Amino acid sequence: LQRMAGTIVGSFIVWAMLAQQPSFWTVVA
């Protein structure tokens, strides 16, 4: 249950980040 919940939240964070089309160095940071 913790793995599923954490993955859903973490994936949403990445989706929001990638929607902003970050630069290479922003992704590395």
PDB file of all heavy atoms in Angstrom:
ATOM      1  N   LEU A   1       0.827  -1.206   0.000  1.00  0.00           N
ATOM      2  CA  LEU A   1       0.000   0.000   0.000  1.00  0.00           C
ATOM      3  C   LEU A   1       0.864   1.259   0.000  1.00  0.00           C
ATOM      4  O   LEU A   1       0.581   2.220  -0.726  1.00  0.00           O
ATOM      5  CB  LEU A   1      -0.930  -0.005   1.211  1.00  0.00           C
ATOM      6  CG  LEU A   1      -1.978  -1.109   1.223  1.00  0.00           C
ATOM      7  CD1 LEU A   1      -2.760  -1.087   2.532  1.00  0.00           C
ATOM      8  CD2 LEU A   1      -2.918  -0.971   0.037  1.00  0.00           C
ATOM      9  N   GLN A   2       1.934   1.248   0.802  1.00  0.00           N
ATOM     10  CA  GLN A   2       2.830   2.404   0.838  1.00  0.00           C
ATOM     11  C   GLN A   2       3.524   2.603  -0.501  1.00  0.00           C
ATOM     12  O   GLN A   2       3.701   3.736  -0.961  1.00  0.00           O
ATOM     13  CB  GLN A   2       3.862   2.242   1.949  1.00  0.00           C
ATOM     14  CG  GLN A   2       3.284   2.391   3.326  1.00  0.00           C
ATOM     15  CD  GLN A   2       4.353   2.315   4.401  1.00  0.00           C
ATOM     16  OE1 GLN A   2       5.535   2.547   4.143  1.00  0.00           O
ATOM     17  NE2 GLN A   2       3.945   1.988   5.605  1.00  0.00           N
ATOM     18  N   ARG A   3       3.922   1.507  -1.140  1.00  0.00           N
ATOM     19  CA  ARG A   3       4.607   1.605  -2.431  1.00  0.00           C
ATOM     20  C   ARG A   3       3.673   2.188  -3.487  1.00  0.00           C
ATOM     21  O   ARG A   3       4.063   3.053  -4.271  1.00  0.00           O
ATOM     22  CB  ARG A   3       5.126   0.243  -2.872  1.00  0.00           C
ATOM     23  CG  ARG A   3       5.958   0.322  -4.142  1.00  0.00           C
ATOM     24  CD  ARG A   3       6.708  -0.968  -4.398  1.00  0.00           C
ATOM     25  NE  ARG A   3       7.603  -0.830  -5.512  1.00  0.00           N
ATOM     26  CZ  ARG A   3       8.840  -0.365  -5.453  1.00  0.00           C
ATOM     27  NH1 ARG A   3       9.339  -0.004  -4.297  1.00  0.00           N
ATOM     28  NH2 ARG A   3       9.588  -0.263  -6.530  1.00  0.00           N
ATOM     29  N   MET A   4       2.426   1.728  -3.503  1.00  0.00           N
ATOM     30  CA  MET A   4       1.480   2.235  -4.492  1.00  0.00           C
ATOM     31  C   MET A   4       1.193   3.718  -4.248  1.00  0.00           C
ATOM     32  O   MET A   4       1.227   4.520  -5.186  1.00  0.00           O
ATOM     33  CB  MET A   4       0.189   1.421  -4.464  1.00  0.00           C
ATOM     34  CG  MET A   4       0.341   0.048  -5.085  1.00  0.00           C
ATOM     35  SD  MET A   4      -1.215  -0.835  -5.273  1.00  0.00           S
ATOM     36  CE  MET A   4      -1.465  -1.485  -3.629  1.00  0.00           C
ATOM     37  N   ALA A   5       0.931   4.095  -3.002  1.00  0.00           N
ATOM     38  CA  ALA A   5       0.613   5.490  -2.698  1.00  0.00           C
ATOM     39  C   ALA A   5       1.800   6.406  -2.999  1.00  0.00           C
ATOM     40  O   ALA A   5       1.637   7.466  -3.625  1.00  0.00           O
ATOM     41  CB  ALA A   5       0.197   5.621  -1.231  1.00  0.00           C
ATOM     42  N   GLY A   6       2.986   6.014  -2.564  1.00  0.00           N
ATOM     43  CA  GLY A   6       4.174   6.827  -2.812  1.00  0.00           C
ATOM     44  C   GLY A   6       4.485   6.978  -4.284  1.00  0.00           C
ATOM     45  O   GLY A   6       4.893   8.053  -4.745  1.00  0.00           O
ATOM     46  N   THR A   7       4.292   5.915  -5.046  1.00  0.00           N
ATOM     47  CA  THR A   7       4.557   5.965  -6.488  1.00  0.00           C
ATOM     48  C   THR A   7       3.568   6.877  -7.195  1.00  0.00           C
ATOM     49  O   THR A   7       3.947   7.619  -8.107  1.00  0.00           O
ATOM     50  CB  THR A   7       4.526   4.546  -7.090  1.00  0.00           C
ATOM     51  OG1 THR A   7       5.549   3.777  -6.463  1.00  0.00           O
ATOM     52  CG2 THR A   7       4.751   4.570  -8.590  1.00  0.00           C
ATOM     53  N   ILE A   8       2.321   6.842  -6.776  1.00  0.00           N
ATOM     54  CA  ILE A   8       1.319   7.723  -7.390  1.00  0.00           C
ATOM     55  C   ILE A   8       1.691   9.189  -7.151  1.00  0.00           C
ATOM     56  O   ILE A   8       1.709   9.992  -8.080  1.00  0.00           O
ATOM     57  CB  ILE A   8      -0.092   7.409  -6.854  1.00  0.00           C
ATOM     58  CG1 ILE A   8      -0.555   6.053  -7.397  1.00  0.00           C
ATOM     59  CG2 ILE A   8      -1.087   8.515  -7.231  1.00  0.00           C
ATOM     60  CD1 ILE A   8      -1.810   5.519  -6.737  1.00  0.00           C
ATOM     61  N   VAL A   9       2.024   9.526  -5.917  1.00  0.00           N
ATOM     62  CA  VAL A   9       2.393  10.912  -5.598  1.00  0.00           C
ATOM     63  C   VAL A   9       3.685  11.309  -6.322  1.00  0.00           C
ATOM     64  O   VAL A   9       3.759  12.377  -6.933  1.00  0.00           O
ATOM     65  CB  VAL A   9       2.523  11.110  -4.070  1.00  0.00           C
ATOM     66  CG1 VAL A   9       3.072  12.491  -3.739  1.00  0.00           C
ATOM     67  CG2 VAL A   9       1.189  10.886  -3.388  1.00  0.00           C
ATOM     68  N   GLY A  10       4.695  10.440  -6.275  1.00  0.00           N
ATOM     69  CA  GLY A  10       5.962  10.732  -6.944  1.00  0.00           C
ATOM     70  C   GLY A  10       5.810  10.880  -8.445  1.00  0.00           C
ATOM     71  O   GLY A  10       6.443  11.746  -9.067  1.00  0.00           O
ATOM     72  N   SER A  11       4.971  10.052  -9.049  1.00  0.00           N
ATOM     73  CA  SER A  11       4.736  10.144 -10.498  1.00  0.00           C
ATOM     74  C   SER A  11       4.019  11.447 -10.856  1.00  0.00           C
ATOM     75  O   SER A  11       4.302  12.051 -11.895  1.00  0.00           O
ATOM     76  CB  SER A  11       3.917   8.949 -10.982  1.00  0.00           C
ATOM     77  OG  SER A  11       4.675   7.775 -10.871  1.00  0.00           O
ATOM     78  N   PHE A  12       3.113  11.868  -9.995  1.00  0.00           N
ATOM     79  CA  PHE A  12       2.431  13.144 -10.234  1.00  0.00           C
ATOM     80  C   PHE A  12       3.440  14.296 -10.181  1.00  0.00           C
ATOM     81  O   PHE A  12       3.373  15.216 -10.999  1.00  0.00           O
ATOM     82  CB  PHE A  12       1.313  13.364  -9.215  1.00  0.00           C
ATOM     83  CG  PHE A  12       0.582  14.654  -9.425  1.00  0.00           C
ATOM     84  CD1 PHE A  12      -0.348  14.776 -10.446  1.00  0.00           C
ATOM     85  CD2 PHE A  12       0.835  15.751  -8.617  1.00  0.00           C
ATOM     86  CE1 PHE A  12      -1.012  15.979 -10.656  1.00  0.00           C
ATOM     87  CE2 PHE A  12       0.184  16.957  -8.821  1.00  0.00           C
ATOM     88  CZ  PHE A  12      -0.747  17.072  -9.840  1.00  0.00           C
ATOM     89  N   ILE A  13       4.381  14.236  -9.246  1.00  0.00           N
ATOM     90  CA  ILE A  13       5.423  15.270  -9.150  1.00  0.00           C
ATOM     91  C   ILE A  13       6.224  15.330 -10.449  1.00  0.00           C
ATOM     92  O   ILE A  13       6.477  16.413 -10.992  1.00  0.00           O
ATOM     93  CB  ILE A  13       6.344  15.000  -7.940  1.00  0.00           C
ATOM     94  CG1 ILE A  13       5.576  15.236  -6.640  1.00  0.00           C
ATOM     95  CG2 ILE A  13       7.597  15.867  -7.996  1.00  0.00           C
ATOM     96  CD1 ILE A  13       6.306  14.740  -5.392  1.00  0.00           C
ATOM     97  N   VAL A  14       6.612  14.163 -10.971  1.00  0.00           N
ATOM     98  CA  VAL A  14       7.392  14.132 -12.218  1.00  0.00           C
ATOM     99  C   VAL A  14       6.559  14.629 -13.389  1.00  0.00           C
ATOM    100  O   VAL A  14       7.045  15.388 -14.233  1.00  0.00           O
ATOM    101  CB  VAL A  14       7.919  12.710 -12.504  1.00  0.00           C
ATOM    102  CG1 VAL A  14       8.500  12.613 -13.902  1.00  0.00           C
ATOM    103  CG2 VAL A  14       8.966  12.347 -11.486  1.00  0.00           C
ATOM    104  N   TRP A  15       5.310  14.216 -13.446  1.00  0.00           N
ATOM    105  CA  TRP A  15       4.436  14.691 -14.518  1.00  0.00           C
ATOM    106  C   TRP A  15       4.362  16.220 -14.508  1.00  0.00           C
ATOM    107  O   TRP A  15       4.492  16.867 -15.553  1.00  0.00           O
ATOM    108  CB  TRP A  15       3.046  14.073 -14.367  1.00  0.00           C
ATOM    109  CG  TRP A  15       2.052  14.651 -15.319  1.00  0.00           C
ATOM    110  CD1 TRP A  15       1.910  14.361 -16.640  1.00  0.00           C
ATOM    111  CD2 TRP A  15       1.088  15.661 -15.015  1.00  0.00           C
ATOM    112  NE1 TRP A  15       0.901  15.125 -17.181  1.00  0.00           N
ATOM    113  CE2 TRP A  15       0.379  15.927 -16.206  1.00  0.00           C
ATOM    114  CE3 TRP A  15       0.754  16.352 -13.858  1.00  0.00           C
ATOM    115  CZ2 TRP A  15      -0.635  16.866 -16.258  1.00  0.00           C
ATOM    116  CZ3 TRP A  15      -0.261  17.287 -13.918  1.00  0.00           C
ATOM    117  CH2 TRP A  15      -0.944  17.531 -15.108  1.00  0.00           C
ATOM    118  N   ALA A  16       4.191  16.806 -13.316  1.00  0.00           N
ATOM    119  CA  ALA A  16       4.118  18.266 -13.198  1.00  0.00           C
ATOM    120  C   ALA A  16       5.445  18.918 -13.598  1.00  0.00           C
ATOM    121  O   ALA A  16       5.450  19.970 -14.262  1.00  0.00           O
ATOM    122  CB  ALA A  16       3.733  18.657 -11.780  1.00  0.00           C
ATOM    123  N   MET A  17       6.551  18.293 -13.208  1.00  0.00           N
ATOM    124  CA  MET A  17       7.863  18.844 -13.577  1.00  0.00           C
ATOM    125  C   MET A  17       8.096  18.788 -15.078  1.00  0.00           C
ATOM    126  O   MET A  17       8.529  19.772 -15.687  1.00  0.00           O
ATOM    127  CB  MET A  17       8.979  18.084 -12.859  1.00  0.00           C
ATOM    128  CG  MET A  17       9.103  18.388 -11.396  1.00  0.00           C
ATOM    129  SD  MET A  17      10.431  17.433 -10.640  1.00  0.00           S
ATOM    130  CE  MET A  17      11.855  18.138 -11.468  1.00  0.00           C
ATOM    131  N   LEU A  18       7.833  17.632 -15.676  1.00  0.00           N
ATOM    132  CA  LEU A  18       8.105  17.466 -17.108  1.00  0.00           C
ATOM    133  C   LEU A  18       7.153  18.283 -17.967  1.00  0.00           C
ATOM    134  O   LEU A  18       7.496  18.635 -19.099  1.00  0.00           O
ATOM    135  CB  LEU A  18       8.061  15.986 -17.487  1.00  0.00           C
ATOM    136  CG  LEU A  18       9.173  15.122 -16.887  1.00  0.00           C
ATOM    137  CD1 LEU A  18       9.026  13.671 -17.330  1.00  0.00           C
ATOM    138  CD2 LEU A  18      10.553  15.667 -17.230  1.00  0.00           C
ATOM    139  N   ALA A  19       5.984  18.587 -17.447  1.00  0.00           N
ATOM    140  CA  ALA A  19       5.056  19.445 -18.191  1.00  0.00           C
ATOM    141  C   ALA A  19       5.629  20.852 -18.370  1.00  0.00           C
ATOM    142  O   ALA A  19       5.255  21.564 -19.312  1.00  0.00           O
ATOM    143  CB  ALA A  19       3.716  19.515 -17.463  1.00  0.00           C
ATOM    144  N   GLN A  20       6.571  21.234 -17.501  1.00  0.00           N
ATOM    145  CA  GLN A  20       7.214  22.551 -17.597  1.00  0.00           C
ATOM    146  C   GLN A  20       8.395  22.550 -18.577  1.00  0.00           C
ATOM    147  O   GLN A  20       9.012  23.580 -18.780  1.00  0.00           O
ATOM    148  CB  GLN A  20       7.699  22.987 -16.211  1.00  0.00           C
ATOM    149  CG  GLN A  20       6.632  23.019 -15.153  1.00  0.00           C
ATOM    150  CD  GLN A  20       5.480  23.921 -15.516  1.00  0.00           C
ATOM    151  OE1 GLN A  20       5.685  25.048 -15.947  1.00  0.00           O
ATOM    152  NE2 GLN A  20       4.265  23.424 -15.374  1.00  0.00           N
ATOM    153  N   GLN A  21       8.710  21.392 -19.146  1.00  0.00           N
ATOM    154  CA  GLN A  21       9.829  21.222 -20.073  1.00  0.00           C
ATOM    155  C   GLN A  21      11.128  21.808 -19.493  1.00  0.00           C
ATOM    156  O   GLN A  21      11.705  22.750 -20.041  1.00  0.00           O
ATOM    157  CB  GLN A  21       9.512  21.842 -21.426  1.00  0.00           C
ATOM    158  CG  GLN A  21       8.321  21.209 -22.092  1.00  0.00           C
ATOM    159  CD  GLN A  21       7.959  21.873 -23.399  1.00  0.00           C
ATOM    160  OE1 GLN A  21       8.385  22.980 -23.710  1.00  0.00           O
ATOM    161  NE2 GLN A  21       7.147  21.182 -24.178  1.00  0.00           N
ATOM    162  N   PRO A  22      11.589  21.210 -18.391  1.00  0.00           N
ATOM    163  CA  PRO A  22      12.786  21.748 -17.728  1.00  0.00           C
ATOM    164  C   PRO A  22      14.049  21.526 -18.564  1.00  0.00           C
ATOM    165  O   PRO A  22      14.110  20.622 -19.394  1.00  0.00           O
ATOM    166  CB  PRO A  22      12.853  20.944 -16.430  1.00  0.00           C
ATOM    167  CG  PRO A  22      12.198  19.643 -16.773  1.00  0.00           C
ATOM    168  CD  PRO A  22      11.099  19.992 -17.750  1.00  0.00           C
ATOM    169  N   SER A  23      15.050  22.333 -18.278  1.00  0.00           N
ATOM    170  CA  SER A  23      16.338  22.184 -18.961  1.00  0.00           C
ATOM    171  C   SER A  23      17.061  20.953 -18.407  1.00  0.00           C
ATOM    172  O   SER A  23      16.698  20.413 -17.356  1.00  0.00           O
ATOM    173  CB  SER A  23      17.199  23.429 -18.744  1.00  0.00           C
ATOM    174  OG  SER A  23      17.618  23.496 -17.378  1.00  0.00           O
ATOM    175  N   PHE A  24      18.095  20.548 -19.120  1.00  0.00           N
ATOM    176  CA  PHE A  24      18.909  19.411 -18.690  1.00  0.00           C
ATOM    177  C   PHE A  24      19.422  19.615 -17.270  1.00  0.00           C
ATOM    178  O   PHE A  24      19.338  18.724 -16.432  1.00  0.00           O
ATOM    179  CB  PHE A  24      20.076  19.215 -19.670  1.00  0.00           C
ATOM    180  CG  PHE A  24      21.077  18.196 -19.210  1.00  0.00           C
ATOM    181  CD1 PHE A  24      20.846  16.846 -19.411  1.00  0.00           C
ATOM    182  CD2 PHE A  24      22.249  18.591 -18.562  1.00  0.00           C
ATOM    183  CE1 PHE A  24      21.770  15.899 -18.982  1.00  0.00           C
ATOM    184  CE2 PHE A  24      23.180  17.650 -18.133  1.00  0.00           C
ATOM    185  CZ  PHE A  24      22.932  16.297 -18.341  1.00  0.00           C
ATOM    186  N   TRP A  25      19.979  20.799 -16.991  1.00  0.00           N
ATOM    187  CA  TRP A  25      20.589  21.047 -15.687  1.00  0.00           C
ATOM    188  C   TRP A  25      19.542  21.139 -14.575  1.00  0.00           C
ATOM    189  O   TRP A  25      19.818  20.788 -13.426  1.00  0.00           O
ATOM    190  CB  TRP A  25      21.472  22.291 -15.734  1.00  0.00           C
ATOM    191  CG  TRP A  25      22.676  22.012 -16.574  1.00  0.00           C
ATOM    192  CD1 TRP A  25      22.961  22.541 -17.792  1.00  0.00           C
ATOM    193  CD2 TRP A  25      23.725  21.093 -16.278  1.00  0.00           C
ATOM    194  NE1 TRP A  25      24.134  22.015 -18.276  1.00  0.00           N
ATOM    195  CE2 TRP A  25      24.630  21.119 -17.361  1.00  0.00           C
ATOM    196  CE3 TRP A  25      24.002  20.246 -15.213  1.00  0.00           C
ATOM    197  CZ2 TRP A  25      25.771  20.342 -17.409  1.00  0.00           C
ATOM    198  CZ3 TRP A  25      25.148  19.468 -15.258  1.00  0.00           C
ATOM    199  CH2 TRP A  25      26.016  19.525 -16.330  1.00  0.00           C
ATOM    200  N   THR A  26      18.339  21.573 -14.894  1.00  0.00           N
ATOM    201  CA  THR A  26      17.265  21.576 -13.907  1.00  0.00           C
ATOM    202  C   THR A  26      16.901  20.142 -13.526  1.00  0.00           C
ATOM    203  O   THR A  26      16.702  19.830 -12.352  1.00  0.00           O
ATOM    204  CB  THR A  26      16.030  22.316 -14.456  1.00  0.00           C
ATOM    205  OG1 THR A  26      16.404  23.653 -14.793  1.00  0.00           O
ATOM    206  CG2 THR A  26      14.896  22.332 -13.453  1.00  0.00           C
ATOM    207  N   VAL A  27      16.850  19.282 -14.521  1.00  0.00           N
ATOM    208  CA  VAL A  27      16.557  17.864 -14.264  1.00  0.00           C
ATOM    209  C   VAL A  27      17.672  17.241 -13.430  1.00  0.00           C
ATOM    210  O   VAL A  27      17.399  16.513 -12.468  1.00  0.00           O
ATOM    211  CB  VAL A  27      16.340  17.088 -15.588  1.00  0.00           C
ATOM    212  CG1 VAL A  27      16.204  15.595 -15.322  1.00  0.00           C
ATOM    213  CG2 VAL A  27      15.110  17.619 -16.315  1.00  0.00           C
ATOM    214  N   VAL A  28      18.915  17.535 -13.765  1.00  0.00           N
ATOM    215  CA  VAL A  28      20.042  16.994 -12.999  1.00  0.00           C
ATOM    216  C   VAL A  28      19.974  17.484 -11.553  1.00  0.00           C
ATOM    217  O   VAL A  28      20.166  16.710 -10.610  1.00  0.00           O
ATOM    218  CB  VAL A  28      21.389  17.365 -13.659  1.00  0.00           C
ATOM    219  CG1 VAL A  28      22.562  17.038 -12.748  1.00  0.00           C
ATOM    220  CG2 VAL A  28      21.530  16.649 -14.996  1.00  0.00           C
ATOM    221  N   ALA A  29      19.707  18.767 -11.352  1.00  0.00           N
ATOM    222  CA  ALA A  29      19.596  19.309  -9.991  1.00  0.00           C
ATOM    223  C   ALA A  29      18.454  18.645  -9.229  1.00  0.00           C
ATOM    224  O   ALA A  29      18.592  18.320  -8.036  1.00  0.00           O
ATOM    225  CB  ALA A  29      19.393  20.820 -10.045  1.00  0.00           C
TER     226      ALA A  29
END
